[in-house]
């Protein structure tokens, strides 16, 4: 298995992601080449929790213009990780809700 910190890039802290916290669903930006099994193993290894399901979304980078030239921002992959009912929460996110 790869290093968990190479797969999980950063947490997503938005209003929508805060709405999912009571149902133990956490959102992360992950490596674009990782699959659901690798994401599950990385979250379990990094935070010591039990993962129930993983949903992923590939986001295309926004089109940006500067004068005549145009390009794209980097594309990203986002993962929604739902924990099992009997699993403890992730401490980093738990401190955000209080």
C-alpha atoms as a PDB file:
ATOM      1  CA  UNK A   1       0.000   0.000   0.000  1.00  0.00           C
ATOM      2  CA  UNK A   2       1.120   3.555  -0.666  1.00  0.00           C
ATOM      3  CA  UNK A   3       1.724   6.021   2.138  1.00  0.00           C
ATOM      4  CA  UNK A   4      -1.705   7.297   3.342  1.00  0.00           C
ATOM      5  CA  UNK A   5      -0.463  10.886   3.250  1.00  0.00           C
ATOM      6  CA  UNK A   6       0.341  10.534  -0.463  1.00  0.00           C
ATOM      7  CA  UNK A   7      -3.265   9.532  -1.186  1.00  0.00           C
ATOM      8  CA  UNK A   8      -5.099  11.998   1.103  1.00  0.00           C
ATOM      9  CA  UNK A   9      -4.024  15.482   0.034  1.00  0.00           C
ATOM     10  CA  UNK A  10      -6.217  17.714   2.216  1.00  0.00           C
ATOM     11  CA  UNK A  11      -9.651  17.886   3.867  1.00  0.00           C
ATOM     12  CA  UNK A  12     -12.437  19.891   2.264  1.00  0.00           C
ATOM     13  CA  UNK A  13     -13.877  22.487   4.664  1.00  0.00           C
ATOM     14  CA  UNK A  14     -16.980  23.976   3.064  1.00  0.00           C
ATOM     15  CA  UNK A  15     -20.555  24.549   4.168  1.00  0.00           C
ATOM     16  CA  UNK A  16     -21.687  21.476   2.268  1.00  0.00           C
ATOM     17  CA  UNK A  17     -19.040  19.282   3.889  1.00  0.00           C
ATOM     18  CA  UNK A  18     -20.040  20.583   7.340  1.00  0.00           C
ATOM     19  CA  UNK A  19     -23.634  19.456   6.656  1.00  0.00           C
ATOM     20  CA  UNK A  20     -22.378  15.864   6.215  1.00  0.00           C
ATOM     21  CA  UNK A  21     -20.469  15.717   9.539  1.00  0.00           C
ATOM     22  CA  UNK A  22     -23.411  14.594  11.747  1.00  0.00           C
ATOM     23  CA  UNK A  23     -23.850  11.510   9.524  1.00  0.00           C
ATOM     24  CA  UNK A  24     -20.102  10.723   9.842  1.00  0.00           C
ATOM     25  CA  UNK A  25     -19.364  11.540   6.196  1.00  0.00           C
ATOM     26  CA  UNK A  26     -16.050  13.320   5.650  1.00  0.00           C
ATOM     27  CA  UNK A  27     -14.752  14.961   2.474  1.00  0.00           C
ATOM     28  CA  UNK A  28     -11.151  14.899   1.226  1.00  0.00           C
ATOM     29  CA  UNK A  29      -9.202  15.951  -1.855  1.00  0.00           C
ATOM     30  CA  UNK A  30      -7.319  12.819  -2.905  1.00  0.00           C
ATOM     31  CA  UNK A  31      -4.720  11.813  -5.476  1.00  0.00           C
ATOM     32  CA  UNK A  32      -6.279  11.584  -8.957  1.00  0.00           C
ATOM     33  CA  UNK A  33      -4.744   8.156  -9.614  1.00  0.00           C
ATOM     34  CA  UNK A  34      -6.064   6.534  -6.419  1.00  0.00           C
ATOM     35  CA  UNK A  35      -9.073   4.221  -6.408  1.00  0.00           C
ATOM     36  CA  UNK A  36     -11.766   3.648  -3.778  1.00  0.00           C
ATOM     37  CA  UNK A  37      -9.955   0.721  -2.145  1.00  0.00           C
ATOM     38  CA  UNK A  38      -6.758   2.726  -1.719  1.00  0.00           C
ATOM     39  CA  UNK A  39      -8.709   5.685  -0.301  1.00  0.00           C
ATOM     40  CA  UNK A  40     -10.480   3.385   2.183  1.00  0.00           C
ATOM     41  CA  UNK A  41      -7.190   1.859   3.357  1.00  0.00           C
ATOM     42  CA  UNK A  42      -5.514   5.283   3.609  1.00  0.00           C
ATOM     43  CA  UNK A  43      -8.295   6.780   5.775  1.00  0.00           C
ATOM     44  CA  UNK A  44      -8.369   3.721   8.032  1.00  0.00           C
ATOM     45  CA  UNK A  45      -4.573   3.811   8.449  1.00  0.00           C
ATOM     46  CA  UNK A  46      -4.246   7.583   8.921  1.00  0.00           C
ATOM     47  CA  UNK A  47      -7.138   8.155  11.342  1.00  0.00           C
ATOM     48  CA  UNK A  48      -7.729   4.728  12.944  1.00  0.00           C
ATOM     49  CA  UNK A  49     -11.411   4.493  11.960  1.00  0.00           C
ATOM     50  CA  UNK A  50     -13.634   1.953  10.165  1.00  0.00           C
ATOM     51  CA  UNK A  51     -14.870   3.047   6.717  1.00  0.00           C
ATOM     52  CA  UNK A  52     -18.310   1.999   5.494  1.00  0.00           C
ATOM     53  CA  UNK A  53     -18.313   3.446   1.959  1.00  0.00           C
ATOM     54  CA  UNK A  54     -16.342   5.728  -0.361  1.00  0.00           C
ATOM     55  CA  UNK A  55     -17.781   7.867  -3.168  1.00  0.00           C
ATOM     56  CA  UNK A  56     -15.488   9.744  -5.552  1.00  0.00           C
ATOM     57  CA  UNK A  57     -15.926  12.679  -7.915  1.00  0.00           C
ATOM     58  CA  UNK A  58     -13.515  13.803 -10.648  1.00  0.00           C
ATOM     59  CA  UNK A  59     -13.576  17.590 -10.998  1.00  0.00           C
ATOM     60  CA  UNK A  60     -12.335  19.197 -14.201  1.00  0.00           C
ATOM     61  CA  UNK A  61     -10.212  22.315 -13.674  1.00  0.00           C
ATOM     62  CA  UNK A  62     -11.850  25.690 -14.306  1.00  0.00           C
ATOM     63  CA  UNK A  63     -11.135  27.433 -17.572  1.00  0.00           C
ATOM     64  CA  UNK A  64      -9.121  30.604 -16.885  1.00  0.00           C
ATOM     65  CA  UNK A  65      -8.268  33.465 -19.235  1.00  0.00           C
ATOM     66  CA  UNK A  66      -5.592  36.100 -19.072  1.00  0.00           C
ATOM     67  CA  UNK A  67      -5.855  38.389 -22.051  1.00  0.00           C
ATOM     68  CA  UNK A  68      -5.952  36.303 -25.212  1.00  0.00           C
ATOM     69  CA  UNK A  69      -4.459  33.169 -23.730  1.00  0.00           C
ATOM     70  CA  UNK A  70      -6.496  30.676 -21.826  1.00  0.00           C
ATOM     71  CA  UNK A  71      -5.724  27.587 -19.836  1.00  0.00           C
ATOM     72  CA  UNK A  72      -7.102  25.387 -17.104  1.00  0.00           C
ATOM     73  CA  UNK A  73      -6.564  25.063 -13.410  1.00  0.00           C
ATOM     74  CA  UNK A  74      -5.476  21.648 -12.217  1.00  0.00           C
ATOM     75  CA  UNK A  75      -8.137  18.933 -12.145  1.00  0.00           C
ATOM     76  CA  UNK A  76      -8.850  17.310  -8.770  1.00  0.00           C
ATOM     77  CA  UNK A  77     -10.509  14.241  -7.318  1.00  0.00           C
ATOM     78  CA  UNK A  78     -12.770  14.501  -4.280  1.00  0.00           C
ATOM     79  CA  UNK A  79     -13.761  11.607  -2.010  1.00  0.00           C
ATOM     80  CA  UNK A  80     -16.734  11.376   0.340  1.00  0.00           C
ATOM     81  CA  UNK A  81     -15.861   8.854   3.065  1.00  0.00           C
ATOM     82  CA  UNK A  82     -18.688   7.502   5.253  1.00  0.00           C
ATOM     83  CA  UNK A  83     -17.698   5.828   8.509  1.00  0.00           C
ATOM     84  CA  UNK A  84     -19.445   2.877  10.138  1.00  0.00           C
ATOM     85  CA  UNK A  85     -21.957   3.584  12.909  1.00  0.00           C
ATOM     86  CA  UNK A  86     -19.801   1.988  15.627  1.00  0.00           C
ATOM     87  CA  UNK A  87     -16.630   3.807  14.509  1.00  0.00           C
ATOM     88  CA  UNK A  88     -15.307   6.840  16.340  1.00  0.00           C
ATOM     89  CA  UNK A  89     -15.244  10.154  14.491  1.00  0.00           C
ATOM     90  CA  UNK A  90     -12.183  11.872  13.065  1.00  0.00           C
ATOM     91  CA  UNK A  91     -10.875  14.238  15.741  1.00  0.00           C
ATOM     92  CA  UNK A  92      -9.838  16.965  13.292  1.00  0.00           C
ATOM     93  CA  UNK A  93     -13.410  17.368  12.013  1.00  0.00           C
ATOM     94  CA  UNK A  94     -15.028  16.846  15.424  1.00  0.00           C
ATOM     95  CA  UNK A  95     -13.302  19.946  16.770  1.00  0.00           C
ATOM     96  CA  UNK A  96     -14.824  21.959  13.889  1.00  0.00           C
ATOM     97  CA  UNK A  97     -18.443  21.187  14.781  1.00  0.00           C
ATOM     98  CA  UNK A  98     -18.338  22.408  18.370  1.00  0.00           C
END
